[in-house]
PDB file of N, CA and C in Angstrom:
ATOM      1  N   UNK A   1     -13.105 -26.996   6.316  1.00  0.00           N
ATOM      2  CA  UNK A   1     -12.394 -25.726   6.255  1.00  0.00           C
ATOM      3  C   UNK A   1     -13.062 -24.868   5.189  1.00  0.00           C
ATOM      4  N   UNK A   2     -13.068 -23.544   5.464  1.00  0.00           N
ATOM      5  CA  UNK A   2     -13.651 -22.578   4.535  1.00  0.00           C
ATOM      6  C   UNK A   2     -12.655 -21.476   4.266  1.00  0.00           C
ATOM      7  N   UNK A   3     -12.761 -20.856   3.076  1.00  0.00           N
ATOM      8  CA  UNK A   3     -11.848 -19.740   2.755  1.00  0.00           C
ATOM      9  C   UNK A   3     -12.169 -18.529   3.603  1.00  0.00           C
ATOM     10  N   UNK A   4     -11.174 -17.704   3.824  1.00  0.00           N
ATOM     11  CA  UNK A   4     -11.338 -16.501   4.600  1.00  0.00           C
ATOM     12  C   UNK A   4     -12.394 -15.556   4.011  1.00  0.00           C
ATOM     13  N   UNK A   5     -12.635 -15.622   2.788  1.00  0.00           N
ATOM     14  CA  UNK A   5     -13.656 -14.783   2.121  1.00  0.00           C
ATOM     15  C   UNK A   5     -15.076 -15.072   2.667  1.00  0.00           C
ATOM     16  N   UNK A   6     -15.258 -16.204   3.335  1.00  0.00           N
ATOM     17  CA  UNK A   6     -16.567 -16.575   3.894  1.00  0.00           C
ATOM     18  C   UNK A   6     -16.760 -15.977   5.287  1.00  0.00           C
ATOM     19  N   UNK A   7     -15.733 -15.475   5.930  1.00  0.00           N
ATOM     20  CA  UNK A   7     -15.846 -14.911   7.254  1.00  0.00           C
ATOM     21  C   UNK A   7     -16.548 -13.544   7.191  1.00  0.00           C
ATOM     22  N   UNK A   8     -17.339 -13.252   8.194  1.00  0.00           N
ATOM     23  CA  UNK A   8     -18.096 -11.993   8.233  1.00  0.00           C
ATOM     24  C   UNK A   8     -17.255 -10.896   8.918  1.00  0.00           C
ATOM     25  N   UNK A   9     -17.494  -9.602   8.605  1.00  0.00           N
ATOM     26  CA  UNK A   9     -16.837  -8.523   9.316  1.00  0.00           C
ATOM     27  C   UNK A   9     -17.078  -8.629  10.814  1.00  0.00           C
ATOM     28  N   UNK A  10     -16.021  -8.439  11.580  1.00  0.00           N
ATOM     29  CA  UNK A  10     -16.083  -8.569  13.034  1.00  0.00           C
ATOM     30  C   UNK A  10     -15.775  -9.928  13.590  1.00  0.00           C
ATOM     31  N   UNK A  11     -15.712 -10.919  12.684  1.00  0.00           N
ATOM     32  CA  UNK A  11     -15.450 -12.281  13.103  1.00  0.00           C
ATOM     33  C   UNK A  11     -13.981 -12.567  13.202  1.00  0.00           C
ATOM     34  N   UNK A  12     -13.554 -13.263  14.257  1.00  0.00           N
ATOM     35  CA  UNK A  12     -12.163 -13.636  14.440  1.00  0.00           C
ATOM     36  C   UNK A  12     -12.072 -15.161  14.194  1.00  0.00           C
ATOM     37  N   UNK A  13     -11.168 -15.555  13.315  1.00  0.00           N
ATOM     38  CA  UNK A  13     -11.023 -16.936  12.986  1.00  0.00           C
ATOM     39  C   UNK A  13      -9.529 -17.337  13.158  1.00  0.00           C
ATOM     40  N   UNK A  14      -9.264 -18.636  13.244  1.00  0.00           N
ATOM     41  CA  UNK A  14      -7.901 -19.166  13.345  1.00  0.00           C
ATOM     42  C   UNK A  14      -7.546 -19.856  12.036  1.00  0.00           C
ATOM     43  N   UNK A  15      -6.387 -19.441  11.497  1.00  0.00           N
ATOM     44  CA  UNK A  15      -5.942 -19.994  10.223  1.00  0.00           C
ATOM     45  C   UNK A  15      -5.615 -21.491  10.379  1.00  0.00           C
ATOM     46  N   UNK A  16      -6.153 -22.333   9.517  1.00  0.00           N
ATOM     47  CA  UNK A  16      -5.895 -23.735   9.570  1.00  0.00           C
ATOM     48  C   UNK A  16      -4.961 -24.231   8.451  1.00  0.00           C
ATOM     49  N   UNK A  17      -5.019 -23.530   7.312  1.00  0.00           N
ATOM     50  CA  UNK A  17      -4.193 -23.957   6.158  1.00  0.00           C
ATOM     51  C   UNK A  17      -4.049 -22.818   5.176  1.00  0.00           C
ATOM     52  N   UNK A  18      -2.955 -22.762   4.466  1.00  0.00           N
ATOM     53  CA  UNK A  18      -2.740 -21.763   3.420  1.00  0.00           C
ATOM     54  C   UNK A  18      -2.343 -22.533   2.170  1.00  0.00           C
ATOM     55  N   UNK A  19      -3.104 -22.307   1.079  1.00  0.00           N
ATOM     56  CA  UNK A  19      -2.889 -22.990  -0.170  1.00  0.00           C
ATOM     57  C   UNK A  19      -2.176 -22.088  -1.132  1.00  0.00           C
ATOM     58  N   UNK A  20      -1.693 -22.678  -2.251  1.00  0.00           N
ATOM     59  CA  UNK A  20      -1.055 -21.877  -3.286  1.00  0.00           C
ATOM     60  C   UNK A  20       0.393 -22.332  -3.463  1.00  0.00           C
ATOM     61  N   UNK A  21       1.056 -21.672  -4.376  1.00  0.00           N
ATOM     62  CA  UNK A  21       2.473 -21.963  -4.608  1.00  0.00           C
ATOM     63  C   UNK A  21       3.330 -21.543  -3.454  1.00  0.00           C
ATOM     64  N   UNK A  22       4.550 -22.044  -3.387  1.00  0.00           N
ATOM     65  CA  UNK A  22       5.446 -21.733  -2.347  1.00  0.00           C
ATOM     66  C   UNK A  22       5.663 -20.204  -2.216  1.00  0.00           C
ATOM     67  N   UNK A  23       5.762 -19.511  -3.311  1.00  0.00           N
ATOM     68  CA  UNK A  23       6.004 -18.043  -3.270  1.00  0.00           C
ATOM     69  C   UNK A  23       4.835 -17.359  -2.618  1.00  0.00           C
ATOM     70  N   UNK A  24       3.610 -17.785  -2.961  1.00  0.00           N
ATOM     71  CA  UNK A  24       2.426 -17.126  -2.397  1.00  0.00           C
ATOM     72  C   UNK A  24       2.338 -17.420  -0.881  1.00  0.00           C
ATOM     73  N   UNK A  25       2.586 -18.647  -0.478  1.00  0.00           N
ATOM     74  CA  UNK A  25       2.509 -19.017   0.947  1.00  0.00           C
ATOM     75  C   UNK A  25       3.591 -18.252   1.694  1.00  0.00           C
ATOM     76  N   UNK A  26       4.799 -18.109   1.140  1.00  0.00           N
ATOM     77  CA  UNK A  26       5.902 -17.364   1.761  1.00  0.00           C
ATOM     78  C   UNK A  26       5.529 -15.890   1.904  1.00  0.00           C
ATOM     79  N   UNK A  27       4.894 -15.316   0.872  1.00  0.00           N
ATOM     80  CA  UNK A  27       4.517 -13.896   0.940  1.00  0.00           C
ATOM     81  C   UNK A  27       3.479 -13.665   2.031  1.00  0.00           C
ATOM     82  N   UNK A  28       2.487 -14.573   2.102  1.00  0.00           N
ATOM     83  CA  UNK A  28       1.435 -14.436   3.145  1.00  0.00           C
ATOM     84  C   UNK A  28       2.054 -14.622   4.526  1.00  0.00           C
ATOM     85  N   UNK A  29       3.006 -15.545   4.680  1.00  0.00           N
ATOM     86  CA  UNK A  29       3.705 -15.763   5.967  1.00  0.00           C
ATOM     87  C   UNK A  29       4.413 -14.468   6.366  1.00  0.00           C
ATOM     88  N   UNK A  30       5.074 -13.793   5.426  1.00  0.00           N
ATOM     89  CA  UNK A  30       5.798 -12.540   5.691  1.00  0.00           C
ATOM     90  C   UNK A  30       4.839 -11.468   6.152  1.00  0.00           C
ATOM     91  N   UNK A  31       3.619 -11.485   5.711  1.00  0.00           N
ATOM     92  CA  UNK A  31       2.601 -10.534   6.128  1.00  0.00           C
ATOM     93  C   UNK A  31       1.998 -10.874   7.483  1.00  0.00           C
ATOM     94  N   UNK A  32       2.270 -12.074   7.972  1.00  0.00           N
ATOM     95  CA  UNK A  32       1.764 -12.456   9.296  1.00  0.00           C
ATOM     96  C   UNK A  32       0.709 -13.542   9.281  1.00  0.00           C
ATOM     97  N   UNK A  33       0.364 -14.029   8.092  1.00  0.00           N
ATOM     98  CA  UNK A  33      -0.638 -15.088   7.989  1.00  0.00           C
ATOM     99  C   UNK A  33       0.034 -16.445   8.096  1.00  0.00           C
ATOM    100  N   UNK A  34       0.034 -17.004   9.291  1.00  0.00           N
ATOM    101  CA  UNK A  34       0.620 -18.322   9.520  1.00  0.00           C
ATOM    102  C   UNK A  34      -0.410 -19.228  10.212  1.00  0.00           C
ATOM    103  N   UNK A  35      -0.249 -20.522  10.033  1.00  0.00           N
ATOM    104  CA  UNK A  35      -1.164 -21.513  10.587  1.00  0.00           C
ATOM    105  C   UNK A  35      -1.274 -21.381  12.105  1.00  0.00           C
ATOM    106  N   UNK A  36      -2.439 -21.509  12.636  1.00  0.00           N
ATOM    107  CA  UNK A  36      -2.797 -21.422  14.056  1.00  0.00           C
ATOM    108  C   UNK A  36      -2.726 -19.994  14.618  1.00  0.00           C
ATOM    109  N   UNK A  37      -2.663 -18.976  13.756  1.00  0.00           N
ATOM    110  CA  UNK A  37      -2.730 -17.595  14.271  1.00  0.00           C
ATOM    111  C   UNK A  37      -4.138 -17.021  13.999  1.00  0.00           C
ATOM    112  N   UNK A  38      -4.590 -16.166  14.933  1.00  0.00           N
ATOM    113  CA  UNK A  38      -5.882 -15.567  14.758  1.00  0.00           C
ATOM    114  C   UNK A  38      -5.897 -14.402  13.771  1.00  0.00           C
ATOM    115  N   UNK A  39      -7.017 -14.239  13.036  1.00  0.00           N
ATOM    116  CA  UNK A  39      -7.188 -13.180  12.098  1.00  0.00           C
ATOM    117  C   UNK A  39      -8.595 -12.629  12.274  1.00  0.00           C
ATOM    118  N   UNK A  40      -8.739 -11.296  12.354  1.00  0.00           N
ATOM    119  CA  UNK A  40     -10.054 -10.700  12.460  1.00  0.00           C
ATOM    120  C   UNK A  40     -10.391  -9.985  11.156  1.00  0.00           C
ATOM    121  N   UNK A  41     -11.597 -10.197  10.673  1.00  0.00           N
ATOM    122  CA  UNK A  41     -12.062  -9.506   9.460  1.00  0.00           C
ATOM    123  C   UNK A  41     -12.609  -8.166   9.958  1.00  0.00           C
ATOM    124  N   UNK A  42     -11.965  -7.092   9.571  1.00  0.00           N
ATOM    125  CA  UNK A  42     -12.394  -5.753  10.005  1.00  0.00           C
ATOM    126  C   UNK A  42     -13.501  -5.239   9.117  1.00  0.00           C
ATOM    127  N   UNK A  43     -13.344  -5.386   7.803  1.00  0.00           N
ATOM    128  CA  UNK A  43     -14.374  -4.897   6.851  1.00  0.00           C
ATOM    129  C   UNK A  43     -14.146  -5.541   5.477  1.00  0.00           C
ATOM    130  N   UNK A  44     -15.216  -5.498   4.687  1.00  0.00           N
ATOM    131  CA  UNK A  44     -15.118  -5.935   3.296  1.00  0.00           C
ATOM    132  C   UNK A  44     -15.536  -4.821   2.400  1.00  0.00           C
ATOM    133  N   UNK A  45     -14.663  -4.495   1.447  1.00  0.00           N
ATOM    134  CA  UNK A  45     -14.951  -3.347   0.585  1.00  0.00           C
ATOM    135  C   UNK A  45     -14.695  -3.782  -0.843  1.00  0.00           C
ATOM    136  N   UNK A  46     -15.709  -3.799  -1.663  1.00  0.00           N
ATOM    137  CA  UNK A  46     -15.635  -4.164  -3.097  1.00  0.00           C
ATOM    138  C   UNK A  46     -14.898  -5.490  -3.317  1.00  0.00           C
ATOM    139  N   UNK A  47     -15.190  -6.492  -2.480  1.00  0.00           N
ATOM    140  CA  UNK A  47     -14.599  -7.774  -2.635  1.00  0.00           C
ATOM    141  C   UNK A  47     -13.274  -7.996  -1.939  1.00  0.00           C
ATOM    142  N   UNK A  48     -12.644  -6.882  -1.519  1.00  0.00           N
ATOM    143  CA  UNK A  48     -11.386  -6.953  -0.816  1.00  0.00           C
ATOM    144  C   UNK A  48     -11.667  -7.020   0.687  1.00  0.00           C
ATOM    145  N   UNK A  49     -10.806  -7.646   1.433  1.00  0.00           N
ATOM    146  CA  UNK A  49     -10.971  -7.748   2.884  1.00  0.00           C
ATOM    147  C   UNK A  49      -9.902  -6.938   3.605  1.00  0.00           C
ATOM    148  N   UNK A  50     -10.346  -6.228   4.621  1.00  0.00           N
ATOM    149  CA  UNK A  50      -9.447  -5.537   5.550  1.00  0.00           C
ATOM    150  C   UNK A  50      -9.300  -6.468   6.767  1.00  0.00           C
ATOM    151  N   UNK A  51      -8.077  -6.916   7.040  1.00  0.00           N
ATOM    152  CA  UNK A  51      -7.853  -7.915   8.090  1.00  0.00           C
ATOM    153  C   UNK A  51      -6.954  -7.373   9.133  1.00  0.00           C
ATOM    154  N   UNK A  52      -7.268  -7.749  10.425  1.00  0.00           N
ATOM    155  CA  UNK A  52      -6.378  -7.415  11.548  1.00  0.00           C
ATOM    156  C   UNK A  52      -5.534  -8.613  11.780  1.00  0.00           C
ATOM    157  N   UNK A  53      -4.208  -8.504  11.621  1.00  0.00           N
ATOM    158  CA  UNK A  53      -3.292  -9.613  11.831  1.00  0.00           C
ATOM    159  C   UNK A  53      -2.232  -9.091  12.756  1.00  0.00           C
ATOM    160  N   UNK A  54      -2.118  -9.743  13.896  1.00  0.00           N
ATOM    161  CA  UNK A  54      -1.162  -9.324  14.946  1.00  0.00           C
ATOM    162  C   UNK A  54      -1.374  -7.852  15.285  1.00  0.00           C
ATOM    163  N   UNK A  55      -0.421  -6.963  15.053  1.00  0.00           N
ATOM    164  CA  UNK A  55      -0.582  -5.528  15.434  1.00  0.00           C
ATOM    165  C   UNK A  55      -0.907  -4.674  14.265  1.00  0.00           C
ATOM    166  N   UNK A  56      -1.214  -5.227  13.086  1.00  0.00           N
ATOM    167  CA  UNK A  56      -1.411  -4.415  11.920  1.00  0.00           C
ATOM    168  C   UNK A  56      -2.673  -4.808  11.125  1.00  0.00           C
ATOM    169  N   UNK A  57      -3.017  -3.933  10.252  1.00  0.00           N
ATOM    170  CA  UNK A  57      -4.164  -4.211   9.366  1.00  0.00           C
ATOM    171  C   UNK A  57      -3.660  -4.340   7.940  1.00  0.00           C
ATOM    172  N   UNK A  58      -4.192  -5.319   7.241  1.00  0.00           N
ATOM    173  CA  UNK A  58      -3.751  -5.631   5.878  1.00  0.00           C
ATOM    174  C   UNK A  58      -4.983  -5.787   5.020  1.00  0.00           C
ATOM    175  N   UNK A  59      -4.909  -5.280   3.765  1.00  0.00           N
ATOM    176  CA  UNK A  59      -5.976  -5.460   2.795  1.00  0.00           C
ATOM    177  C   UNK A  59      -5.537  -6.551   1.814  1.00  0.00           C
ATOM    178  N   UNK A  60      -6.410  -7.550   1.597  1.00  0.00           N
ATOM    179  CA  UNK A  60      -6.147  -8.560   0.599  1.00  0.00           C
ATOM    180  C   UNK A  60      -7.313  -8.633  -0.386  1.00  0.00           C
ATOM    181  N   UNK A  61      -7.017  -8.872  -1.662  1.00  0.00           N
ATOM    182  CA  UNK A  61      -8.107  -9.043  -2.608  1.00  0.00           C
ATOM    183  C   UNK A  61      -8.739 -10.447  -2.356  1.00  0.00           C
ATOM    184  N   UNK A  62      -9.906 -10.644  -2.957  1.00  0.00           N
ATOM    185  CA  UNK A  62     -10.612 -11.893  -2.705  1.00  0.00           C
ATOM    186  C   UNK A  62      -9.864 -13.114  -3.183  1.00  0.00           C
ATOM    187  N   UNK A  63      -9.101 -12.987  -4.262  1.00  0.00           N
ATOM    188  CA  UNK A  63      -8.323 -14.113  -4.785  1.00  0.00           C
ATOM    189  C   UNK A  63      -7.286 -14.566  -3.762  1.00  0.00           C
ATOM    190  N   UNK A  64      -6.526 -13.637  -3.173  1.00  0.00           N
ATOM    191  CA  UNK A  64      -5.496 -13.940  -2.206  1.00  0.00           C
ATOM    192  C   UNK A  64      -6.146 -14.431  -0.911  1.00  0.00           C
ATOM    193  N   UNK A  65      -7.225 -13.792  -0.474  1.00  0.00           N
ATOM    194  CA  UNK A  65      -7.916 -14.228   0.754  1.00  0.00           C
ATOM    195  C   UNK A  65      -8.461 -15.586   0.663  1.00  0.00           C
ATOM    196  N   UNK A  66      -8.863 -16.015  -0.526  1.00  0.00           N
ATOM    197  CA  UNK A  66      -9.461 -17.312  -0.688  1.00  0.00           C
ATOM    198  C   UNK A  66      -8.447 -18.446  -0.519  1.00  0.00           C
ATOM    199  N   UNK A  67      -7.163 -18.139  -0.537  1.00  0.00           N
ATOM    200  CA  UNK A  67      -6.088 -19.124  -0.308  1.00  0.00           C
ATOM    201  C   UNK A  67      -5.890 -19.439   1.174  1.00  0.00           C
ATOM    202  N   UNK A  68      -6.456 -18.599   2.033  1.00  0.00           N
ATOM    203  CA  UNK A  68      -6.297 -18.730   3.479  1.00  0.00           C
ATOM    204  C   UNK A  68      -7.563 -19.454   3.975  1.00  0.00           C
ATOM    205  N   UNK A  69      -7.362 -20.606   4.595  1.00  0.00           N
ATOM    206  CA  UNK A  69      -8.503 -21.440   5.046  1.00  0.00           C
ATOM    207  C   UNK A  69      -8.585 -21.424   6.563  1.00  0.00           C
ATOM    208  N   UNK A  70      -9.836 -21.437   7.065  1.00  0.00           N
ATOM    209  CA  UNK A  70     -10.022 -21.517   8.513  1.00  0.00           C
ATOM    210  C   UNK A  70     -10.999 -22.606   8.825  1.00  0.00           C
TER     211      UNK A  70
END
């Protein structure tokens, strides 16, 4: 497994695991980041990732994105 920060723009990956404290995992789940769901990296700007999740786009900093493994 690799962190989401390793995915290239335009690449679609499937989430395999989410690490971190319960509060962090709950917050990411509320944003739509759940195991076995697809995520597309739209762009990377200054270390932050723009991600397509379900019907919306979300920006995550590299620290938060590194908790999502594919």
